[in-house]
Protein backbone atom coordinates (compact mmCIF):
# COMPACT_ATOMS: atom_id res chain seq x y z
CA MET A 1 90.31 102.79 117.48
CA SER A 2 91.83 105.84 115.81
CA LEU A 3 89.81 108.99 114.93
CA SER A 4 89.94 108.20 111.24
CA GLU A 5 88.55 104.69 111.90
CA ARG A 6 85.74 106.11 114.00
CA LEU A 7 84.86 108.72 111.36
CA LYS A 8 84.82 106.04 108.66
CA HIS A 9 82.01 104.18 110.41
CA ILE A 10 79.81 107.25 110.78
CA LYS A 11 77.34 107.17 107.90
CA LEU A 12 76.68 110.88 107.94
CA PHE A 13 80.40 111.53 107.56
CA ARG A 14 80.69 108.96 104.73
CA SER A 15 77.66 110.60 103.09
CA PHE A 16 79.52 113.95 103.05
CA ILE A 17 82.60 112.31 101.50
CA TYR A 18 80.48 110.49 98.84
CA THR A 19 78.63 113.66 97.93
CA THR A 20 81.84 115.70 97.68
CA VAL A 21 83.81 113.13 95.70
CA GLY A 22 80.73 112.33 93.58
CA PHE A 23 80.18 115.90 92.37
CA ILE A 24 83.93 116.32 91.65
CA THR A 25 84.18 113.15 89.64
CA TYR A 26 80.83 113.16 87.85
CA PRO A 27 81.98 115.25 84.87
CA GLY A 28 84.89 112.94 84.19
CA LEU A 29 82.63 109.91 84.02
CA VAL A 30 79.67 111.34 82.11
CA LEU A 31 80.86 114.40 80.22
CA ILE A 32 84.56 113.96 79.53
CA ASN A 33 84.13 110.20 79.06
CA LYS A 34 81.06 108.12 78.46
CA ILE A 35 79.77 105.48 80.81
CA LYS A 36 77.72 102.46 79.85
CA ILE A 37 76.10 100.47 82.64
CA GLU A 38 74.35 97.06 82.37
CA GLY A 39 72.70 94.72 84.87
CA THR A 40 71.54 97.11 87.64
CA GLU A 41 68.32 95.05 87.75
CA HIS A 42 70.45 92.51 89.63
CA ILE A 43 71.23 95.12 92.34
CA LYS A 44 67.64 96.20 93.12
CA SER A 45 66.55 92.98 94.84
CA LEU A 46 69.70 92.35 96.85
CA PRO A 47 69.52 92.15 100.64
CA ARG A 48 70.81 95.13 102.54
CA LYS A 49 73.71 93.19 104.10
CA ASN A 50 76.10 90.33 103.49
CA VAL A 51 76.58 91.13 99.82
CA LEU A 52 80.08 90.84 98.29
CA PHE A 53 80.73 92.47 94.91
CA VAL A 54 83.69 90.83 93.18
CA SER A 55 85.23 92.73 90.28
CA ASN A 56 88.23 93.00 88.04
CA HIS A 57 90.42 96.01 88.77
CA GLN A 58 91.85 98.67 86.39
CA THR A 59 92.68 101.76 88.48
CA TYR A 60 93.21 102.39 92.15
CA PHE A 61 90.34 104.78 92.71
CA ALA A 62 88.17 105.32 89.61
CA ASP A 63 86.69 101.84 89.77
CA VAL A 64 85.34 102.30 93.31
CA ILE A 65 84.19 105.82 92.56
CA VAL A 66 82.03 104.54 89.69
CA PHE A 67 80.51 101.85 91.93
CA ILE A 68 79.59 104.57 94.44
CA HIS A 69 77.90 106.58 91.69
CA ILE A 70 75.98 103.55 90.42
CA PHE A 71 74.78 102.39 93.87
CA CYS A 72 73.57 105.86 94.71
CA ALA A 73 71.74 106.11 91.34
CA VAL A 74 70.09 102.73 91.91
CA LYS A 75 68.96 103.94 95.32
CA TRP A 76 67.13 106.69 93.44
CA ARG A 77 65.53 104.06 91.13
CA LYS A 78 67.65 104.75 88.12
CA GLU A 79 68.28 101.77 85.89
CA ASN A 80 71.47 101.30 83.89
CA LYS A 81 72.25 104.99 83.82
CA LEU A 82 73.41 107.83 86.04
CA GLY A 83 71.52 110.76 84.61
CA LEU A 84 71.70 114.01 86.57
CA PRO A 85 73.66 113.63 89.84
CA TYR A 86 70.93 114.65 92.21
CA TYR A 87 71.25 111.13 93.60
CA LEU A 88 74.34 112.38 95.45
CA ILE A 89 72.16 114.57 97.69
CA ASN A 90 71.22 111.44 99.62
CA PRO A 91 73.89 108.82 98.69
CA PHE A 92 73.95 105.13 99.39
CA THR A 93 76.28 104.63 102.33
CA ASN A 94 75.82 100.92 103.27
CA LEU A 95 79.04 100.26 101.45
CA TYR A 96 82.68 99.41 102.16
CA PHE A 97 85.48 98.52 99.80
CA VAL A 98 88.66 96.46 100.25
CA ALA A 99 91.92 98.31 99.47
CA ALA A 100 95.63 97.76 100.02
CA GLU A 101 96.92 99.50 103.06
CA GLU A 102 99.95 101.00 101.30
CA THR A 103 97.77 102.40 98.53
CA MET A 104 95.41 104.13 100.94
CA ASN A 105 98.21 105.65 102.96
CA GLY A 106 100.01 106.95 99.89
CA ASN A 107 99.02 110.63 99.92
CA TRP A 108 96.45 113.09 101.28
CA ILE A 109 93.94 112.25 98.55
CA SER A 110 94.08 108.54 99.21
CA ARG A 111 93.83 109.14 103.00
CA LEU A 112 90.70 111.28 102.41
CA PHE A 113 89.15 108.57 100.27
CA LYS A 114 90.05 106.03 102.91
CA LEU A 115 87.46 107.74 105.09
CA ALA A 116 84.82 106.87 102.54
CA GLY A 117 84.81 103.28 103.81
CA ALA A 118 88.08 101.61 102.87
CA LEU A 119 88.76 98.27 104.53
CA THR A 120 92.52 98.36 104.43
CA VAL A 121 94.37 95.07 104.17
CA LYS A 122 98.00 94.13 103.92
CA ARG A 123 98.96 92.98 100.47
CA THR A 124 99.55 89.21 100.37
CA TRP A 125 102.02 89.30 97.54
CA ARG A 126 103.48 92.81 97.41
CA SER A 127 104.60 95.46 99.93
CA GLU A 128 106.43 98.74 99.19
CA GLY A 129 107.19 97.69 95.66
CA LYS A 130 108.79 94.37 96.71
CA GLU A 131 107.45 90.87 96.25
CA VAL A 132 106.47 89.41 99.55
CA ARG A 133 104.52 86.24 100.38
CA ARG A 134 102.26 86.44 103.37
CA GLY A 135 99.53 84.27 104.80
CA LEU A 136 96.12 85.70 105.47
CA ASP A 137 96.10 88.29 108.23
CA PRO A 138 93.20 87.35 110.58
CA SER A 139 92.68 90.99 111.51
CA ASP A 140 92.08 91.84 107.87
CA THR A 141 89.50 89.14 107.37
CA ARG A 142 87.72 90.18 110.56
CA LYS A 143 87.33 93.70 109.19
CA ILE A 144 85.55 92.32 106.08
CA PHE A 145 83.46 89.95 108.16
CA ARG A 146 82.26 92.78 110.39
CA ALA A 147 81.50 95.02 107.37
CA LEU A 148 79.43 92.30 105.68
CA GLU A 149 77.29 91.84 108.83
CA SER A 150 75.32 94.99 107.94
CA ASN A 151 76.63 96.29 104.65
CA TRP A 152 77.71 95.60 101.06
CA VAL A 153 81.46 95.19 100.36
CA ILE A 154 83.34 95.61 97.11
CA THR A 155 86.50 93.53 96.64
CA PHE A 156 88.97 93.00 93.86
CA PRO A 157 90.10 89.34 93.99
CA GLN A 158 93.24 89.99 91.91
CA GLY A 159 94.48 92.78 94.25
CA THR A 160 96.23 94.42 91.29
CA THR A 161 95.34 96.45 88.24
CA LYS A 162 97.24 93.99 86.01
CA PRO A 163 94.81 92.17 83.70
CA PHE A 164 94.46 88.40 84.10
CA ALA A 165 96.60 88.29 87.28
CA PRO A 166 95.74 85.29 89.44
CA GLY A 167 93.07 85.69 92.09
CA ARG A 168 93.87 85.74 95.77
CA LYS A 169 92.66 82.79 97.83
CA GLY A 170 91.69 85.13 100.63
CA THR A 171 88.55 86.13 98.67
CA ALA A 172 87.52 82.50 98.33
CA HIS A 173 88.10 81.82 102.02
CA ILE A 174 85.86 84.81 102.95
CA ILE A 175 83.16 83.55 100.61
CA LYS A 176 83.42 80.03 102.01
CA GLN A 177 83.35 81.12 105.64
CA ILE A 178 80.67 83.86 105.68
CA GLN A 179 78.62 82.66 102.71
CA PRO A 180 77.62 86.09 101.30
CA THR A 181 75.57 86.81 98.23
CA VAL A 182 78.33 87.16 95.63
CA VAL A 183 77.71 89.56 92.70
CA PRO A 184 80.35 89.51 89.89
CA VAL A 185 81.09 92.74 88.08
CA VAL A 186 83.09 93.20 84.82
CA ILE A 187 84.52 96.64 84.09
CA ASN A 188 86.52 97.93 81.11
CA GLY A 189 87.77 101.14 79.60
CA PHE A 190 89.15 102.59 82.88
CA TRP A 191 92.68 101.57 82.02
CA ARG A 192 92.44 103.59 78.84
CA ALA A 193 90.65 106.66 80.23
CA PHE A 194 92.65 107.14 83.45
CA THR A 195 96.17 106.83 84.73
CA LYS A 196 96.88 103.97 87.12
CA LYS A 197 95.66 105.81 90.22
CA GLY A 198 92.41 106.76 88.42
CA LEU A 199 92.65 110.43 89.47
CA THR A 200 93.87 112.03 86.24
CA PHE A 201 92.95 111.49 82.61
CA LYS A 202 95.00 109.58 80.11
CA LYS A 203 92.61 109.55 77.15
CA LYS A 204 89.41 111.66 77.06
CA GLY A 205 86.33 110.48 75.26
CA SER A 206 86.84 106.86 76.36
CA ILE A 207 83.89 104.49 76.92
CA LEU A 208 83.70 103.12 80.43
CA THR A 209 81.68 99.90 80.78
CA VAL A 210 80.35 98.39 84.00
CA ARG A 211 78.38 95.11 83.78
CA PHE A 212 76.74 93.60 86.84
CA LYS A 213 75.95 89.91 86.58
CA ALA A 214 73.36 87.90 88.41
CA PRO A 215 74.46 86.66 91.89
CA MET A 216 76.52 83.56 91.68
CA VAL A 217 75.18 80.15 92.65
CA ILE A 218 77.93 78.78 94.90
CA ASP A 219 78.30 75.46 96.72
CA TYR A 220 80.06 76.71 99.85
CA THR A 221 81.21 73.22 100.73
CA LEU A 222 83.59 73.17 97.76
CA PRO A 223 87.33 73.78 98.34
CA ALA A 224 88.42 77.43 98.33
CA GLU A 225 90.50 76.76 95.16
CA VAL A 226 87.35 75.78 93.25
CA ILE A 227 85.37 78.69 94.48
CA LEU A 228 88.16 81.01 93.48
CA ASP A 229 88.22 79.55 89.97
CA GLN A 230 84.43 80.17 89.69
CA VAL A 231 84.90 83.79 90.79
CA MET A 232 87.68 84.40 88.28
CA ASP A 233 85.51 82.95 85.53
CA ALA A 234 82.61 85.13 86.62
CA ILE A 235 84.69 88.36 86.47
CA GLU A 236 86.22 87.12 83.14
CA GLN A 237 89.79 87.12 84.37
CA SER A 238 90.51 83.43 84.16
CA LYS A 239 92.84 81.87 81.58
CA LYS A 240 90.08 81.05 79.18
CA PHE A 241 89.25 84.76 78.84
CA MET A 242 92.87 85.88 78.46
CA LEU A 243 93.20 85.59 74.69
CA LYS A 244 89.72 86.99 74.21
CA GLY A 245 90.37 90.14 76.25
CA LYS A 246 90.62 93.34 74.18
CA HIS A 247 92.35 94.95 77.20
CA HIS A 248 95.13 92.35 76.90
CA LEU A 249 95.69 93.13 73.20
CA MET A 250 95.37 96.91 73.46
CA THR A 251 97.72 97.12 76.44
CA ALA A 252 100.40 95.44 74.32
CA ILE A 253 99.69 97.81 71.42
CA ASP A 254 99.85 100.90 73.67
CA LYS A 255 103.30 100.04 75.00
């Protein structure tokens, strides 16, 4: 195991990263933009391990950064708000997130954020800007399995920031095999506020929304394809939500 991998699994080190990144990014979320949070009551009663958060995806990093802020705030008994960022003094570190390997190795900023708990996986459909079809990499799924044994994990089933892109079956296979508590999350506004990487602003004064739903009721004996359809419905990225999505319309207008 490399030094970076060892550091990533040390909670004290991750705590330092979360605190540093948290204080740097807080003004952009709360002061420069406005954040609206719903459903944190669904987080309070969750078990401390084997919880999988499934969410739509709008930027490479801002989405995950917001999750970190919210989980830290909930740890300090805040409900549906961040308030003052004193919660970053003792952050919530029982957390990992799934990210594309090529994204996390892109530059020094992404490499630093990788140490915050990234579970890097090889893209199933895309590599170095080219379309590639791959099967599931067993080593990637093992990383997620091990992380779920004692932590929460965030994953983005679409694996891309493109709205209404199809979900990846790998997420459904993980759910079917390890049977975690699955919490759907719907986010919006990040695509308007930030550039694609989520590290610089595109439009200040944007409203960022994060809505946690109740844990899904899943029949784990169902085929992976059916479970994936249920997940995509829950994060409001299935075909039936496509024409309802303001993001879909506004993206076309912005072009």
